[in-house]
Amino acid sequence: MNIAAWAIVGLIAGFIASRFVDRFSSSIVIDLLLGAIGGIAGGLIIRATNFQMSDNLFDPPSVFLAALVGVVAVVLYHMIRRSL
């Protein structure tokens, strides 16, 4: 999977996480950016671990980790924002 695909998965994950954490959508742009950054970070993590990946555009381990890290980034942002 390439960086653009990880970013797209992260954007989708960030949008979905934003709907659950911030119902008033006050920071949708920030959530989308955090999701994309998290998706790229998740993809780089799986690439750095030399996990066996397929040559397909969307292989399951990369999609899962990119989405997971994207969601975690959005949730952590909202947790920190609410505690301040």
PDB file of N, CA and C in Angstrom:
ATOM      1  N   MET A   1       0.844  -1.168   0.000  1.00  0.00           N
ATOM      2  CA  MET A   1       0.000   0.000   0.000  1.00  0.00           C
ATOM      3  C   MET A   1       0.892   1.233   0.000  1.00  0.00           C
ATOM      4  N   ASN A   2       0.480   2.263  -0.650  1.00  0.00           N
ATOM      5  CA  ASN A   2       1.300   3.464  -0.698  1.00  0.00           C
ATOM      6  C   ASN A   2       0.768   4.529   0.263  1.00  0.00           C
ATOM      7  N   ILE A   3       1.497   5.615   0.384  1.00  0.00           N
ATOM      8  CA  ILE A   3       1.178   6.660   1.359  1.00  0.00           C
ATOM      9  C   ILE A   3      -0.183   7.292   1.074  1.00  0.00           C
ATOM     10  N   ALA A   4      -0.526   7.481  -0.180  1.00  0.00           N
ATOM     11  CA  ALA A   4      -1.830   8.078  -0.505  1.00  0.00           C
ATOM     12  C   ALA A   4      -2.971   7.177  -0.047  1.00  0.00           C
ATOM     13  N   ALA A   5      -2.831   5.881  -0.226  1.00  0.00           N
ATOM     14  CA  ALA A   5      -3.866   4.950   0.213  1.00  0.00           C
ATOM     15  C   ALA A   5      -3.985   4.954   1.736  1.00  0.00           C
ATOM     16  N   TRP A   6      -2.856   5.025   2.445  1.00  0.00           N
ATOM     17  CA  TRP A   6      -2.889   5.101   3.913  1.00  0.00           C
ATOM     18  C   TRP A   6      -3.585   6.376   4.361  1.00  0.00           C
ATOM     19  N   ALA A   7      -3.308   7.471   3.664  1.00  0.00           N
ATOM     20  CA  ALA A   7      -3.943   8.749   4.015  1.00  0.00           C
ATOM     21  C   ALA A   7      -5.453   8.687   3.786  1.00  0.00           C
ATOM     22  N   ILE A   8      -5.880   8.050   2.708  1.00  0.00           N
ATOM     23  CA  ILE A   8      -7.313   7.924   2.426  1.00  0.00           C
ATOM     24  C   ILE A   8      -7.992   7.076   3.509  1.00  0.00           C
ATOM     25  N   VAL A   9      -7.360   5.959   3.871  1.00  0.00           N
ATOM     26  CA  VAL A   9      -7.909   5.121   4.937  1.00  0.00           C
ATOM     27  C   VAL A   9      -7.964   5.915   6.242  1.00  0.00           C
ATOM     28  N   GLY A  10      -6.924   6.689   6.523  1.00  0.00           N
ATOM     29  CA  GLY A  10      -6.893   7.513   7.729  1.00  0.00           C
ATOM     30  C   GLY A  10      -7.964   8.593   7.721  1.00  0.00           C
ATOM     31  N   LEU A  11      -8.210   9.197   6.557  1.00  0.00           N
ATOM     32  CA  LEU A  11      -9.279  10.197   6.446  1.00  0.00           C
ATOM     33  C   LEU A  11     -10.642   9.588   6.769  1.00  0.00           C
ATOM     34  N   ILE A  12     -10.892   8.418   6.223  1.00  0.00           N
ATOM     35  CA  ILE A  12     -12.169   7.753   6.491  1.00  0.00           C
ATOM     36  C   ILE A  12     -12.275   7.386   7.968  1.00  0.00           C
ATOM     37  N   ALA A  13     -11.198   6.845   8.528  1.00  0.00           N
ATOM     38  CA  ALA A  13     -11.207   6.487   9.946  1.00  0.00           C
ATOM     39  C   ALA A  13     -11.357   7.721  10.827  1.00  0.00           C
ATOM     40  N   GLY A  14     -10.702   8.813  10.449  1.00  0.00           N
ATOM     41  CA  GLY A  14     -10.831  10.057  11.205  1.00  0.00           C
ATOM     42  C   GLY A  14     -12.240  10.608  11.167  1.00  0.00           C
ATOM     43  N   PHE A  15     -12.886  10.497  10.024  1.00  0.00           N
ATOM     44  CA  PHE A  15     -14.264  10.970   9.906  1.00  0.00           C
ATOM     45  C   PHE A  15     -15.200  10.138  10.777  1.00  0.00           C
ATOM     46  N   ILE A  16     -15.046   8.827  10.717  1.00  0.00           N
ATOM     47  CA  ILE A  16     -15.903   7.952  11.515  1.00  0.00           C
ATOM     48  C   ILE A  16     -15.652   8.175  13.006  1.00  0.00           C
ATOM     49  N   ALA A  17     -14.396   8.270  13.404  1.00  0.00           N
ATOM     50  CA  ALA A  17     -14.078   8.512  14.815  1.00  0.00           C
ATOM     51  C   ALA A  17     -14.615   9.863  15.258  1.00  0.00           C
ATOM     52  N   SER A  18     -14.576  10.847  14.397  1.00  0.00           N
ATOM     53  CA  SER A  18     -15.075  12.176  14.727  1.00  0.00           C
ATOM     54  C   SER A  18     -16.565  12.145  15.030  1.00  0.00           C
ATOM     55  N   ARG A  19     -17.309  11.326  14.323  1.00  0.00           N
ATOM     56  CA  ARG A  19     -18.753  11.218  14.557  1.00  0.00           C
ATOM     57  C   ARG A  19     -19.052  10.650  15.942  1.00  0.00           C
ATOM     58  N   PHE A  20     -18.187   9.776  16.434  1.00  0.00           N
ATOM     59  CA  PHE A  20     -18.414   9.175  17.737  1.00  0.00           C
ATOM     60  C   PHE A  20     -17.921  10.049  18.884  1.00  0.00           C
ATOM     61  N   VAL A  21     -16.805  10.747  18.687  1.00  0.00           N
ATOM     62  CA  VAL A  21     -16.199  11.497  19.784  1.00  0.00           C
ATOM     63  C   VAL A  21     -16.727  12.922  19.873  1.00  0.00           C
ATOM     64  N   ASP A  22     -16.966  13.539  18.748  1.00  0.00           N
ATOM     65  CA  ASP A  22     -17.369  14.944  18.733  1.00  0.00           C
ATOM     66  C   ASP A  22     -18.667  15.064  17.944  1.00  0.00           C
ATOM     67  N   ARG A  23     -19.779  14.947  18.612  1.00  0.00           N
ATOM     68  CA  ARG A  23     -21.077  14.928  17.937  1.00  0.00           C
ATOM     69  C   ARG A  23     -21.461  16.274  17.322  1.00  0.00           C
ATOM     70  N   PHE A  24     -20.822  17.345  17.755  1.00  0.00           N
ATOM     71  CA  PHE A  24     -21.169  18.672  17.249  1.00  0.00           C
ATOM     72  C   PHE A  24     -20.304  19.074  16.068  1.00  0.00           C
ATOM     73  N   SER A  25     -19.392  18.215  15.669  1.00  0.00           N
ATOM     74  CA  SER A  25     -18.482  18.420  14.535  1.00  0.00           C
ATOM     75  C   SER A  25     -17.830  19.799  14.552  1.00  0.00           C
ATOM     76  N   SER A  26     -17.341  20.186  15.722  1.00  0.00           N
ATOM     77  CA  SER A  26     -16.701  21.491  15.840  1.00  0.00           C
ATOM     78  C   SER A  26     -15.300  21.495  15.242  1.00  0.00           C
ATOM     79  N   SER A  27     -14.704  20.339  15.081  1.00  0.00           N
ATOM     80  CA  SER A  27     -13.329  20.302  14.580  1.00  0.00           C
ATOM     81  C   SER A  27     -13.154  19.204  13.535  1.00  0.00           C
ATOM     82  N   ILE A  28     -14.033  19.141  12.572  1.00  0.00           N
ATOM     83  CA  ILE A  28     -13.988  18.086  11.567  1.00  0.00           C
ATOM     84  C   ILE A  28     -12.708  18.142  10.731  1.00  0.00           C
ATOM     85  N   VAL A  29     -12.228  19.333  10.437  1.00  0.00           N
ATOM     86  CA  VAL A  29     -11.007  19.456   9.625  1.00  0.00           C
ATOM     87  C   VAL A  29      -9.811  18.915  10.399  1.00  0.00           C
ATOM     88  N   ILE A  30      -9.732  19.254  11.679  1.00  0.00           N
ATOM     89  CA  ILE A  30      -8.637  18.751  12.516  1.00  0.00           C
ATOM     90  C   ILE A  30      -8.728  17.231  12.626  1.00  0.00           C
ATOM     91  N   ASP A  31      -9.938  16.708  12.799  1.00  0.00           N
ATOM     92  CA  ASP A  31     -10.116  15.263  12.898  1.00  0.00           C
ATOM     93  C   ASP A  31      -9.700  14.557  11.607  1.00  0.00           C
ATOM     94  N   LEU A  32     -10.044  15.135  10.482  1.00  0.00           N
ATOM     95  CA  LEU A  32      -9.641  14.535   9.209  1.00  0.00           C
ATOM     96  C   LEU A  32      -8.128  14.561   9.032  1.00  0.00           C
ATOM     97  N   LEU A  33      -7.512  15.680   9.394  1.00  0.00           N
ATOM     98  CA  LEU A  33      -6.053  15.767   9.294  1.00  0.00           C
ATOM     99  C   LEU A  33      -5.370  14.783  10.239  1.00  0.00           C
ATOM    100  N   LEU A  34      -5.861  14.691  11.468  1.00  0.00           N
ATOM    101  CA  LEU A  34      -5.291  13.732  12.419  1.00  0.00           C
ATOM    102  C   LEU A  34      -5.493  12.303  11.938  1.00  0.00           C
ATOM    103  N   GLY A  35      -6.640  12.012  11.362  1.00  0.00           N
ATOM    104  CA  GLY A  35      -6.880  10.683  10.813  1.00  0.00           C
ATOM    105  C   GLY A  35      -5.917  10.355   9.683  1.00  0.00           C
ATOM    106  N   ALA A  36      -5.696  11.316   8.795  1.00  0.00           N
ATOM    107  CA  ALA A  36      -4.769  11.091   7.675  1.00  0.00           C
ATOM    108  C   ALA A  36      -3.341  10.904   8.177  1.00  0.00           C
ATOM    109  N   ILE A  37      -2.925  11.735   9.117  1.00  0.00           N
ATOM    110  CA  ILE A  37      -1.580  11.610   9.678  1.00  0.00           C
ATOM    111  C   ILE A  37      -1.428  10.282  10.412  1.00  0.00           C
ATOM    112  N   GLY A  38      -2.466   9.906  11.172  1.00  0.00           N
ATOM    113  CA  GLY A  38      -2.441   8.620  11.854  1.00  0.00           C
ATOM    114  C   GLY A  38      -2.406   7.459  10.880  1.00  0.00           C
ATOM    115  N   GLY A  39      -3.140   7.568   9.799  1.00  0.00           N
ATOM    116  CA  GLY A  39      -3.126   6.521   8.781  1.00  0.00           C
ATOM    117  C   GLY A  39      -1.756   6.348   8.151  1.00  0.00           C
ATOM    118  N   ILE A  40      -1.113   7.450   7.867  1.00  0.00           N
ATOM    119  CA  ILE A  40       0.242   7.386   7.302  1.00  0.00           C
ATOM    120  C   ILE A  40       1.206   6.802   8.327  1.00  0.00           C
ATOM    121  N   ALA A  41       1.079   7.223   9.589  1.00  0.00           N
ATOM    122  CA  ALA A  41       1.952   6.694  10.646  1.00  0.00           C
ATOM    123  C   ALA A  41       1.745   5.187  10.806  1.00  0.00           C
ATOM    124  N   GLY A  42       0.496   4.747  10.785  1.00  0.00           N
ATOM    125  CA  GLY A  42       0.224   3.315  10.887  1.00  0.00           C
ATOM    126  C   GLY A  42       0.813   2.536   9.725  1.00  0.00           C
ATOM    127  N   GLY A  43       0.713   3.078   8.539  1.00  0.00           N
ATOM    128  CA  GLY A  43       1.306   2.423   7.371  1.00  0.00           C
ATOM    129  C   GLY A  43       2.819   2.354   7.449  1.00  0.00           C
ATOM    130  N   LEU A  44       3.430   3.426   7.940  1.00  0.00           N
ATOM    131  CA  LEU A  44       4.885   3.425   8.088  1.00  0.00           C
ATOM    132  C   LEU A  44       5.336   2.450   9.174  1.00  0.00           C
ATOM    133  N   ILE A  45       4.535   2.320  10.219  1.00  0.00           N
ATOM    134  CA  ILE A  45       4.865   1.359  11.278  1.00  0.00           C
ATOM    135  C   ILE A  45       4.865  -0.062  10.729  1.00  0.00           C
ATOM    136  N   ILE A  46       3.836  -0.392   9.965  1.00  0.00           N
ATOM    137  CA  ILE A  46       3.772  -1.759   9.434  1.00  0.00           C
ATOM    138  C   ILE A  46       4.862  -2.001   8.398  1.00  0.00           C
ATOM    139  N   ARG A  47       5.238  -0.964   7.673  1.00  0.00           N
ATOM    140  CA  ARG A  47       6.336  -1.109   6.707  1.00  0.00           C
ATOM    141  C   ARG A  47       7.674  -1.259   7.428  1.00  0.00           C
ATOM    142  N   ALA A  48       7.852  -0.523   8.536  1.00  0.00           N
ATOM    143  CA  ALA A  48       9.106  -0.580   9.294  1.00  0.00           C
ATOM    144  C   ALA A  48       9.309  -1.938   9.975  1.00  0.00           C
ATOM    145  N   THR A  49       8.224  -2.618  10.282  1.00  0.00           N
ATOM    146  CA  THR A  49       8.339  -3.928  10.924  1.00  0.00           C
ATOM    147  C   THR A  49       8.594  -5.039   9.910  1.00  0.00           C
ATOM    148  N   ASN A  50       8.707  -4.684   8.643  1.00  0.00           N
ATOM    149  CA  ASN A  50       8.949  -5.645   7.561  1.00  0.00           C
ATOM    150  C   ASN A  50       7.884  -6.733   7.513  1.00  0.00           C
ATOM    151  N   PHE A  51       6.653  -6.343   7.823  1.00  0.00           N
ATOM    152  CA  PHE A  51       5.535  -7.271   7.754  1.00  0.00           C
ATOM    153  C   PHE A  51       5.309  -7.632   6.297  1.00  0.00           C
ATOM    154  N   GLN A  52       5.082  -8.906   6.035  1.00  0.00           N
ATOM    155  CA  GLN A  52       4.871  -9.359   4.667  1.00  0.00           C
ATOM    156  C   GLN A  52       3.584  -8.752   4.108  1.00  0.00           C
ATOM    157  N   MET A  53       3.713  -7.874   3.132  1.00  0.00           N
ATOM    158  CA  MET A  53       2.556  -7.223   2.542  1.00  0.00           C
ATOM    159  C   MET A  53       2.402  -7.653   1.093  1.00  0.00           C
ATOM    160  N   SER A  54       1.175  -7.637   0.629  1.00  0.00           N
ATOM    161  CA  SER A  54       0.931  -7.967  -0.771  1.00  0.00           C
ATOM    162  C   SER A  54       1.172  -6.724  -1.627  1.00  0.00           C
ATOM    163  N   ASP A  55       1.175  -6.905  -2.910  1.00  0.00           N
ATOM    164  CA  ASP A  55       1.391  -5.793  -3.828  1.00  0.00           C
ATOM    165  C   ASP A  55       0.092  -5.080  -4.178  1.00  0.00           C
ATOM    166  N   ASN A  56      -1.003  -5.499  -3.593  1.00  0.00           N
ATOM    167  CA  ASN A  56      -2.296  -4.865  -3.857  1.00  0.00           C
ATOM    168  C   ASN A  56      -2.320  -3.459  -3.276  1.00  0.00           C
ATOM    169  N   LEU A  57      -3.239  -2.654  -3.775  1.00  0.00           N
ATOM    170  CA  LEU A  57      -3.376  -1.295  -3.256  1.00  0.00           C
ATOM    171  C   LEU A  57      -3.845  -1.315  -1.811  1.00  0.00           C
ATOM    172  N   PHE A  58      -4.762  -2.198  -1.479  1.00  0.00           N
ATOM    173  CA  PHE A  58      -5.269  -2.304  -0.118  1.00  0.00           C
ATOM    174  C   PHE A  58      -5.046  -3.718   0.402  1.00  0.00           C
ATOM    175  N   ASP A  59      -4.027  -3.904   1.227  1.00  0.00           N
ATOM    176  CA  ASP A  59      -3.850  -5.201   1.854  1.00  0.00           C
ATOM    177  C   ASP A  59      -4.339  -5.102   3.300  1.00  0.00           C
ATOM    178  N   PRO A  60      -4.978  -6.147   3.804  1.00  0.00           N
ATOM    179  CA  PRO A  60      -5.669  -6.081   5.098  1.00  0.00           C
ATOM    180  C   PRO A  60      -4.838  -5.591   6.289  1.00  0.00           C
ATOM    181  N   PRO A  61      -3.614  -6.061   6.505  1.00  0.00           N
ATOM    182  CA  PRO A  61      -2.885  -5.566   7.683  1.00  0.00           C
ATOM    183  C   PRO A  61      -2.615  -4.060   7.632  1.00  0.00           C
ATOM    184  N   SER A  62      -2.273  -3.558   6.474  1.00  0.00           N
ATOM    185  CA  SER A  62      -2.014  -2.123   6.349  1.00  0.00           C
ATOM    186  C   SER A  62      -3.286  -1.308   6.548  1.00  0.00           C
ATOM    187  N   VAL A  63      -4.379  -1.771   5.976  1.00  0.00           N
ATOM    188  CA  VAL A  63      -5.654  -1.068   6.130  1.00  0.00           C
ATOM    189  C   VAL A  63      -6.057  -1.043   7.597  1.00  0.00           C
ATOM    190  N   PHE A  64      -5.951  -2.185   8.266  1.00  0.00           N
ATOM    191  CA  PHE A  64      -6.345  -2.266   9.665  1.00  0.00           C
ATOM    192  C   PHE A  64      -5.502  -1.344  10.535  1.00  0.00           C
ATOM    193  N   LEU A  65      -4.186  -1.402  10.400  1.00  0.00           N
ATOM    194  CA  LEU A  65      -3.327  -0.581  11.252  1.00  0.00           C
ATOM    195  C   LEU A  65      -3.457   0.898  10.922  1.00  0.00           C
ATOM    196  N   ALA A  66      -3.595   1.247   9.667  1.00  0.00           N
ATOM    197  CA  ALA A  66      -3.767   2.651   9.299  1.00  0.00           C
ATOM    198  C   ALA A  66      -5.064   3.195   9.892  1.00  0.00           C
ATOM    199  N   ALA A  67      -6.125   2.417   9.827  1.00  0.00           N
ATOM    200  CA  ALA A  67      -7.403   2.848  10.405  1.00  0.00           C
ATOM    201  C   ALA A  67      -7.314   2.934  11.926  1.00  0.00           C
ATOM    202  N   LEU A  68      -6.684   1.954  12.544  1.00  0.00           N
ATOM    203  CA  LEU A  68      -6.565   1.933  13.997  1.00  0.00           C
ATOM    204  C   LEU A  68      -5.784   3.134  14.515  1.00  0.00           C
ATOM    205  N   VAL A  69      -4.653   3.421  13.921  1.00  0.00           N
ATOM    206  CA  VAL A  69      -3.841   4.553  14.373  1.00  0.00           C
ATOM    207  C   VAL A  69      -4.549   5.874  14.064  1.00  0.00           C
ATOM    208  N   GLY A  70      -5.271   5.947  12.967  1.00  0.00           N
ATOM    209  CA  GLY A  70      -6.053   7.148  12.669  1.00  0.00           C
ATOM    210  C   GLY A  70      -7.118   7.412  13.716  1.00  0.00           C
ATOM    211  N   VAL A  71      -7.817   6.362  14.125  1.00  0.00           N
ATOM    212  CA  VAL A  71      -8.841   6.501  15.163  1.00  0.00           C
ATOM    213  C   VAL A  71      -8.210   6.876  16.496  1.00  0.00           C
ATOM    214  N   VAL A  72      -7.120   6.230  16.847  1.00  0.00           N
ATOM    215  CA  VAL A  72      -6.436   6.527  18.111  1.00  0.00           C
ATOM    216  C   VAL A  72      -5.985   7.984  18.144  1.00  0.00           C
ATOM    217  N   ALA A  73      -5.473   8.491  17.043  1.00  0.00           N
ATOM    218  CA  ALA A  73      -5.028   9.885  17.000  1.00  0.00           C
ATOM    219  C   ALA A  73      -6.184  10.847  17.260  1.00  0.00           C
ATOM    220  N   VAL A  74      -7.335  10.603  16.659  1.00  0.00           N
ATOM    221  CA  VAL A  74      -8.501  11.469  16.851  1.00  0.00           C
ATOM    222  C   VAL A  74      -9.017  11.375  18.283  1.00  0.00           C
ATOM    223  N   VAL A  75      -9.104  10.166  18.819  1.00  0.00           N
ATOM    224  CA  VAL A  75      -9.604   9.984  20.183  1.00  0.00           C
ATOM    225  C   VAL A  75      -8.665  10.637  21.196  1.00  0.00           C
ATOM    226  N   LEU A  76      -7.368  10.451  21.024  1.00  0.00           N
ATOM    227  CA  LEU A  76      -6.409  11.089  21.941  1.00  0.00           C
ATOM    228  C   LEU A  76      -6.499  12.607  21.884  1.00  0.00           C
ATOM    229  N   TYR A  77      -6.650  13.150  20.695  1.00  0.00           N
ATOM    230  CA  TYR A  77      -6.787  14.599  20.559  1.00  0.00           C
ATOM    231  C   TYR A  77      -7.989  15.108  21.346  1.00  0.00           C
ATOM    232  N   HIS A  78      -9.107  14.426  21.214  1.00  0.00           N
ATOM    233  CA  HIS A  78     -10.316  14.874  21.913  1.00  0.00           C
ATOM    234  C   HIS A  78     -10.208  14.670  23.424  1.00  0.00           C
ATOM    235  N   MET A  79      -9.524  13.619  23.855  1.00  0.00           N
ATOM    236  CA  MET A  79      -9.326  13.415  25.290  1.00  0.00           C
ATOM    237  C   MET A  79      -8.469  14.532  25.884  1.00  0.00           C
ATOM    238  N   ILE A  80      -7.413  14.885  25.186  1.00  0.00           N
ATOM    239  CA  ILE A  80      -6.527  15.956  25.658  1.00  0.00           C
ATOM    240  C   ILE A  80      -7.248  17.281  25.614  1.00  0.00           C
ATOM    241  N   ARG A  81      -7.989  17.531  24.567  1.00  0.00           N
ATOM    242  CA  ARG A  81      -8.707  18.799  24.410  1.00  0.00           C
ATOM    243  C   ARG A  81      -9.748  18.982  25.508  1.00  0.00           C
ATOM    244  N   ARG A  82     -10.437  17.925  25.873  1.00  0.00           N
ATOM    245  CA  ARG A  82     -11.458  18.028  26.925  1.00  0.00           C
ATOM    246  C   ARG A  82     -10.850  18.199  28.315  1.00  0.00           C
ATOM    247  N   SER A  83      -9.644  17.682  28.516  1.00  0.00           N
ATOM    248  CA  SER A  83      -9.035  17.782  29.844  1.00  0.00           C
ATOM    249  C   SER A  83      -8.435  19.151  30.101  1.00  0.00           C
ATOM    250  N   LEU A  84      -8.244  19.950  29.069  1.00  0.00           N
ATOM    251  CA  LEU A  84      -7.644  21.281  29.270  1.00  0.00           C
ATOM    252  C   LEU A  84      -8.663  22.314  29.632  1.00  0.00           C
TER     253      LEU A  84
END
